[in-house]
Structures are given as structure tokens and as C-alpha cells.
Amino acid sequence: MTARYRLARLLGKDGRCFDVAIDHGVFGTASFLPGIENMARAVEAIVEAAPDAVQLAPGHAPLLQARPGREKPALVLRVDISNVYGPNPPSELFCTLLAEPVERAFELDAACVVAFLLDVPERPDLHRQCIENLSRLGSECARRGMPLMVEPIAMTAGRPSGYAVDGTPHRIAALVRQAVELGADIIKADPTDPLDELPRIVELAGGRPLLVRGGGRETEEVILRRTAACMSLGASGIVYGRNVIQHPRPSAITRAFMAIVHEGATPEDALARLHG
């Protein structure tokens, strides 16, 4: 029952959600830091634009939760760390849960916790670690009434090095279904390539809200069009990080995304609002 109440804080009255991810520093990748060097300022700018949620790691969660007043975004708490990102990932990949993740989530009054389900070619050990993490985390979340957001990511060898996101529909489909089987209350998944395969992924989520990840930085026109398309294809919302925090006007682009997610604004209308 408690999990349902917490999900109600995360989702809008329409059952939709825009979660702004500002947890990138926890992954130890220098290229993720532009736009969030000053976290107090970054959180202030996002909160001003009033998204539904802000995704933070425990060290910076108080920047949101210590703010006075009732009107502020819900906290999505990152509770695991992986070294899979970056241009030169090491030979030994890991995904590690933080200590006492659900207890920390309650202490910080989070609306939900988020953790990875990674699938990297020829790295079954990393996938196994994620399954073990989610098995422990899911059990504790279910017992204590903390919603669990699972972030399934299929990856492939990138160029010139490192790993890149793989939008192949069958790989995303398998991971999303596995996330559901492991107890996810909400799914954070990549858009499919081609995008018209997304309704199948929504169906596999089995009625759980499916939020689409933003991935790397895109132009305003591209990301606004993709957002509108994802919403029209059945997504319940979006989770964007770099497309917000690395934008010259984070508050303004947040409001543009909110207009698409909650008002059904067209990409053209959202772009006009952004520059109006």
C-alpha cells in the first residue's frame, strides 16, 4: 500500500512523469559533469521549472529534500553504481548496490529507488550482478513498500571505444520483460530503433509506467520531436539528464518537456515556448 502512495507522488494526476536525472556524477565519468559542476545551482534551476521528479544520488539528495515548502519535485534515489560508462571502460565491469539502499531511501523520503539491469555483449558477469542486485533490492522494496524503478539498458561496442546504447527492439523487449519479472514497479527504458516498435515495449511492461530515457545530448528539435513521438506511442513519461542539464537554459527546456508530457503540446509549440 505504501508503494502505491509513493508512486502517486511521482506521477502526475494524469499518470505521467518527467524525471530530470542529475545523478551522473556518481558514475565517475568526467564527460558527464558539464552543467552539474555546481550541484546546488543545478538543482535550483531544475526545481524552479517544477518537473515531476528529480533523480539524485544520496550525497546530493538533501539539496532537494532540505528545501522548505510543500511544492517540490519527488525524489528518485539512485541506489547503485556502475563503471560501464566512459570512453575506456576497464576490463572488470561492475554494478554495485549502495549500502542499505531502501533504508537510505526512507531516510531521504524518496518516492522511489532506481537501479540498473545492464546487458553488455560478452559480459554475462555484469548482467548477473544486476540480477543479484535487483533480487535483493526488489525483495526489500516489496517488504517495506518502496517503489522500484528498474533501468534496463542494452549496450553494444561503441566507436572508437567504450559502450553505446543499443536500441534494437528485441534486446530492449527482453530486458524490460525481465525487469517486470524481477519486481519493477516502474520501467526506465531506451527508445527503440525504429521508434514505432515502442508500443510493444509498453505492452511488455504489463501496465507499469514506462518512462523513456534521453541518452546523449541531442538538438532541441530532435529531442522535442522524439519526446512527442514517444508519448503518442504509449510512454508514460521521460527521464532526461544531459538534454536538460547541459542545455543553455535548463529551466526553460524543462518547461518545454513538461508541456509535451502533460499537455500534449506539439514539438513546434514546445519549441515556440522555449524561445518565446
Protein backbone atom coordinates (compact mmCIF):
# COMPACT_ATOMS: atom_id res chain seq x y z
CA MET A 1 0.00 0.00 0.00
CA THR A 2 2.81 2.42 0.88
CA ALA A 3 4.37 1.83 -2.55
CA ARG A 4 1.17 2.96 -4.25
CA TYR A 5 1.10 6.16 -2.21
CA ARG A 6 4.71 6.92 -3.08
CA LEU A 7 4.10 6.30 -6.78
CA ALA A 8 1.26 8.81 -6.59
CA ARG A 9 3.83 11.42 -5.56
CA LEU A 10 6.00 10.52 -8.53
CA LEU A 11 3.33 10.54 -11.23
CA GLY A 12 1.16 13.49 -12.15
CA LYS A 13 -2.63 13.44 -11.92
CA ASP A 14 -2.63 12.12 -15.48
CA GLY A 15 -0.34 9.21 -14.55
CA ARG A 16 2.57 10.74 -16.45
CA CYS A 17 6.01 11.76 -15.26
CA PHE A 18 9.02 13.84 -16.24
CA ASP A 19 12.01 12.84 -14.12
CA VAL A 20 15.13 15.01 -14.51
CA ALA A 21 18.23 12.88 -13.87
CA ILE A 22 21.08 14.71 -12.12
CA ASP A 23 22.84 11.64 -10.70
CA HIS A 24 25.58 11.49 -13.33
CA GLY A 25 28.49 12.35 -11.03
CA VAL A 26 28.16 9.07 -9.17
CA PHE A 27 29.46 7.15 -12.21
CA GLY A 28 32.90 8.78 -12.10
CA THR A 29 32.89 9.81 -15.77
CA ALA A 30 34.29 13.28 -16.48
CA SER A 31 32.24 13.81 -19.65
CA PHE A 32 29.04 13.60 -17.57
CA LEU A 33 29.94 16.60 -15.40
CA PRO A 34 29.44 19.65 -17.67
CA GLY A 35 26.37 21.52 -16.47
CA ILE A 36 26.42 20.00 -12.99
CA GLU A 37 29.74 21.20 -11.60
CA ASN A 38 27.77 23.31 -9.14
CA MET A 39 25.06 20.92 -7.98
CA ALA A 40 23.29 23.42 -5.72
CA ARG A 41 22.81 25.72 -8.70
CA ALA A 42 21.80 22.86 -11.00
CA VAL A 43 19.15 21.57 -8.60
CA GLU A 44 17.86 25.10 -8.01
CA ALA A 45 17.39 25.66 -11.75
CA ILE A 46 15.53 22.39 -12.23
CA VAL A 47 13.30 22.77 -9.18
CA GLU A 48 12.33 26.24 -10.39
CA ALA A 49 10.87 24.67 -13.54
CA ALA A 50 8.80 22.20 -11.44
CA PRO A 51 9.25 18.79 -13.12
CA ASP A 52 7.52 15.81 -11.53
CA ALA A 53 10.72 14.32 -10.14
CA VAL A 54 14.46 14.81 -9.79
CA GLN A 55 16.81 11.83 -9.82
CA LEU A 56 19.76 12.17 -7.45
CA ALA A 57 22.36 10.07 -5.65
CA PRO A 58 22.31 10.07 -1.83
CA GLY A 59 25.06 12.64 -1.42
CA HIS A 60 23.12 15.33 -3.28
CA ALA A 61 19.56 14.30 -2.43
CA PRO A 62 19.46 16.76 0.52
CA LEU A 63 19.80 19.64 -1.96
CA LEU A 64 16.24 18.79 -2.98
CA GLN A 65 14.76 17.38 0.20
CA ALA A 66 16.02 20.12 2.54
CA ARG A 67 14.25 22.81 0.53
CA PRO A 68 11.44 24.40 2.57
CA GLY A 69 7.84 24.26 1.46
CA ARG A 70 5.47 21.62 0.18
CA GLU A 71 5.78 22.24 -3.54
CA LYS A 72 8.84 20.46 -4.88
CA PRO A 73 9.53 17.54 -7.21
CA ALA A 74 9.55 13.99 -5.90
CA LEU A 75 12.93 12.38 -5.24
CA VAL A 76 14.04 9.39 -7.31
CA LEU A 77 17.05 7.97 -5.49
CA ARG A 78 19.89 6.29 -7.41
CA VAL A 79 20.98 3.29 -5.32
CA ASP A 80 23.62 1.60 -7.48
CA ILE A 81 26.86 2.49 -9.24
CA SER A 82 28.42 1.05 -12.41
CA ASN A 83 31.68 1.69 -14.22
CA VAL A 84 30.23 0.76 -17.62
CA TYR A 85 30.21 4.36 -18.85
CA GLY A 86 33.09 6.34 -20.29
CA PRO A 87 35.35 6.08 -23.34
CA ASN A 88 37.71 3.46 -21.90
CA PRO A 89 35.84 1.10 -19.54
CA PRO A 90 38.11 -1.21 -17.55
CA SER A 91 38.39 -4.92 -18.19
CA GLU A 92 36.48 -5.66 -14.99
CA LEU A 93 32.99 -4.17 -15.09
CA PHE A 94 30.81 -3.89 -12.02
CA CYS A 95 27.40 -2.75 -10.85
CA THR A 96 27.27 -2.37 -7.09
CA LEU A 97 24.37 -1.57 -4.78
CA LEU A 98 24.89 1.15 -2.20
CA ALA A 99 24.77 0.07 1.42
CA GLU A 100 21.27 -0.20 2.92
CA PRO A 101 19.61 1.33 -0.16
CA VAL A 102 15.99 1.11 0.98
CA GLU A 103 16.80 2.42 4.44
CA ARG A 104 18.55 5.41 2.87
CA ALA A 105 15.57 5.97 0.59
CA PHE A 106 13.25 6.15 3.59
CA GLU A 107 15.61 8.45 5.47
CA LEU A 108 15.65 10.80 2.45
CA ASP A 109 11.88 10.48 1.91
CA ALA A 110 12.32 9.25 -1.67
CA ALA A 111 9.31 8.46 -3.85
CA CYS A 112 11.17 5.51 -5.39
CA VAL A 113 14.60 3.99 -5.91
CA VAL A 114 16.24 3.30 -9.28
CA ALA A 115 18.76 0.60 -10.24
CA PHE A 116 20.25 -0.84 -13.44
CA LEU A 117 19.62 -4.01 -15.41
CA LEU A 118 22.59 -3.93 -17.80
CA ASP A 119 23.23 -6.21 -20.77
CA VAL A 120 26.70 -5.82 -22.29
CA PRO A 121 27.98 -8.18 -25.01
CA GLU A 122 30.31 -10.89 -23.70
CA ARG A 123 29.93 -9.61 -20.13
CA PRO A 124 27.41 -12.04 -18.57
CA ASP A 125 29.03 -11.43 -15.18
CA LEU A 126 27.79 -7.82 -15.21
CA HIS A 127 24.25 -8.93 -16.06
CA ARG A 128 24.41 -11.46 -13.25
CA GLN A 129 25.48 -8.76 -10.79
CA CYS A 130 22.49 -6.64 -11.82
CA ILE A 131 20.09 -9.55 -11.35
CA GLU A 132 21.52 -10.26 -7.91
CA ASN A 133 21.20 -6.56 -7.02
CA LEU A 134 17.59 -6.41 -8.17
CA SER A 135 16.73 -9.65 -6.42
CA ARG A 136 17.89 -8.22 -3.08
CA LEU A 137 16.56 -4.75 -3.76
CA GLY A 138 13.20 -5.93 -5.06
CA SER A 139 12.61 -8.11 -2.05
CA GLU A 140 13.39 -5.29 0.37
CA CYS A 141 11.34 -2.76 -1.61
CA ALA A 142 8.31 -5.07 -1.67
CA ARG A 143 8.60 -5.81 2.04
CA ARG A 144 8.84 -2.15 3.03
CA GLY A 145 6.61 -0.53 0.42
CA MET A 146 9.24 1.38 -1.56
CA PRO A 147 8.58 1.55 -5.33
CA LEU A 148 11.33 0.13 -7.51
CA MET A 149 12.29 1.73 -10.83
CA VAL A 150 14.39 -0.59 -12.97
CA GLU A 151 16.61 0.83 -15.72
CA PRO A 152 17.22 -1.87 -18.34
CA ILE A 153 19.95 -0.88 -20.81
CA ALA A 154 21.13 -2.97 -23.75
CA MET A 155 24.62 -1.91 -24.80
CA THR A 156 26.93 -2.56 -27.71
CA ALA A 157 30.56 -1.82 -28.55
CA GLY A 158 30.86 1.88 -29.33
CA ARG A 159 33.18 3.78 -31.62
CA PRO A 160 36.03 4.39 -31.20
CA SER A 161 35.87 2.79 -27.76
CA GLY A 162 33.60 2.15 -24.83
CA TYR A 163 29.98 1.05 -24.98
CA ALA A 164 26.96 2.65 -26.61
CA VAL A 165 23.24 2.14 -26.09
CA ASP A 166 21.65 -0.42 -28.42
CA GLY A 167 18.08 0.41 -29.43
CA THR A 168 17.43 -2.98 -31.06
CA PRO A 169 13.79 -3.75 -30.17
CA HIS A 170 14.22 -7.43 -29.32
CA ARG A 171 17.03 -6.70 -26.84
CA ILE A 172 15.06 -3.93 -25.12
CA ALA A 173 11.96 -6.13 -25.08
CA ALA A 174 13.77 -8.99 -23.34
CA LEU A 175 15.25 -6.71 -20.69
CA VAL A 176 12.00 -4.89 -19.99
CA ARG A 177 10.17 -8.17 -19.52
CA GLN A 178 12.95 -9.39 -17.24
CA ALA A 179 12.70 -6.16 -15.22
CA VAL A 180 8.98 -6.79 -14.73
CA GLU A 181 9.64 -10.36 -13.65
CA LEU A 182 12.18 -9.11 -11.11
CA GLY A 183 9.59 -6.87 -9.47
CA ALA A 184 9.83 -3.47 -11.14
CA ASP A 185 7.03 -1.04 -10.30
CA ILE A 186 8.13 1.40 -12.99
CA ILE A 187 10.42 0.99 -16.01
CA LYS A 188 13.02 3.45 -17.37
CA ALA A 189 13.97 2.21 -20.84
CA ASP A 190 15.64 3.41 -24.02
CA PRO A 191 13.56 4.29 -27.08
CA THR A 192 13.51 1.56 -29.69
CA ASP A 193 15.15 1.92 -33.08
CA PRO A 194 12.87 2.12 -35.05
CA LEU A 195 10.66 4.08 -32.69
CA ASP A 196 7.43 2.55 -33.98
CA GLU A 197 8.36 -0.63 -32.06
CA LEU A 198 7.88 1.20 -28.76
CA PRO A 199 4.21 0.11 -28.25
CA ARG A 200 5.41 -3.50 -27.99
CA ILE A 201 7.76 -2.47 -25.18
CA VAL A 202 4.92 -0.63 -23.43
CA GLU A 203 2.83 -3.80 -23.69
CA LEU A 204 5.62 -5.91 -22.21
CA ALA A 205 5.77 -3.52 -19.25
CA GLY A 206 2.42 -5.04 -18.26
CA GLY A 207 0.64 -1.90 -17.15
CA ARG A 208 3.61 -0.48 -15.29
CA PRO A 209 4.53 3.10 -16.24
CA LEU A 210 7.27 3.11 -18.86
CA LEU A 211 9.49 6.20 -18.91
CA VAL A 212 11.80 6.74 -21.89
CA ARG A 213 15.46 7.58 -21.31
CA GLY A 214 17.00 10.59 -23.02
CA GLY A 215 20.51 9.27 -23.60
CA GLY A 216 23.14 11.55 -25.12
CA ARG A 217 22.78 15.23 -25.90
CA GLU A 218 20.58 16.00 -28.93
CA THR A 219 19.47 19.18 -30.67
CA GLU A 220 16.30 20.82 -29.35
CA GLU A 221 14.32 19.90 -32.45
CA VAL A 222 15.36 16.23 -32.37
CA ILE A 223 14.71 15.64 -28.68
CA LEU A 224 11.39 17.52 -28.65
CA ARG A 225 10.12 15.55 -31.65
CA ARG A 226 11.26 12.28 -30.15
CA THR A 227 9.59 13.11 -26.85
CA ALA A 228 6.26 13.85 -28.53
CA ALA A 229 6.52 10.66 -30.59
CA CYS A 230 7.26 8.53 -27.51
CA MET A 231 4.27 9.96 -25.66
CA SER A 232 1.99 9.32 -28.64
CA LEU A 233 3.22 5.71 -28.78
CA GLY A 234 2.22 4.93 -25.21
CA ALA A 235 5.08 6.02 -22.97
CA SER A 236 4.06 7.32 -19.54
CA GLY A 237 6.83 9.90 -19.50
CA ILE A 238 10.52 10.59 -19.84
CA VAL A 239 13.75 10.59 -17.83
CA TYR A 240 16.21 13.09 -19.29
CA GLY A 241 19.55 14.22 -17.91
CA ARG A 242 22.10 15.69 -20.30
CA ASN A 243 19.39 17.08 -22.58
CA VAL A 244 18.34 19.25 -19.63
CA ILE A 245 21.41 19.93 -17.51
CA GLN A 246 23.69 20.63 -20.49
CA HIS A 247 21.13 22.88 -22.17
CA PRO A 248 21.91 26.63 -22.02
CA ARG A 249 18.52 27.20 -20.33
CA PRO A 250 17.74 24.14 -18.17
CA SER A 251 14.60 25.65 -16.63
CA ALA A 252 13.15 26.64 -19.99
CA ILE A 253 13.77 23.27 -21.67
CA THR A 254 12.28 21.53 -18.63
CA ARG A 255 9.07 23.52 -19.05
CA ALA A 256 9.03 22.66 -22.77
CA PHE A 257 9.27 18.93 -21.97
CA MET A 258 6.60 19.25 -19.30
CA ALA A 259 4.26 20.81 -21.88
CA ILE A 260 4.69 17.79 -24.16
CA VAL A 261 4.38 15.20 -21.39
CA HIS A 262 1.38 16.68 -19.56
CA GLU A 263 -0.37 18.99 -22.02
CA GLY A 264 0.12 17.12 -25.26
CA ALA A 265 1.95 20.08 -26.79
CA THR A 266 3.37 19.57 -30.26
CA PRO A 267 7.13 19.78 -30.77
CA GLU A 268 6.60 23.05 -32.64
CA ASP A 269 4.56 24.51 -29.80
CA ALA A 270 7.11 23.38 -27.22
CA LEU A 271 9.93 24.90 -29.28
CA ALA A 272 7.99 28.18 -29.54
CA ARG A 273 7.51 28.23 -25.78
CA LEU A 274 11.19 27.56 -25.28
CA HIS A 275 12.20 30.57 -27.34
CA GLY A 276 9.14 32.74 -26.71
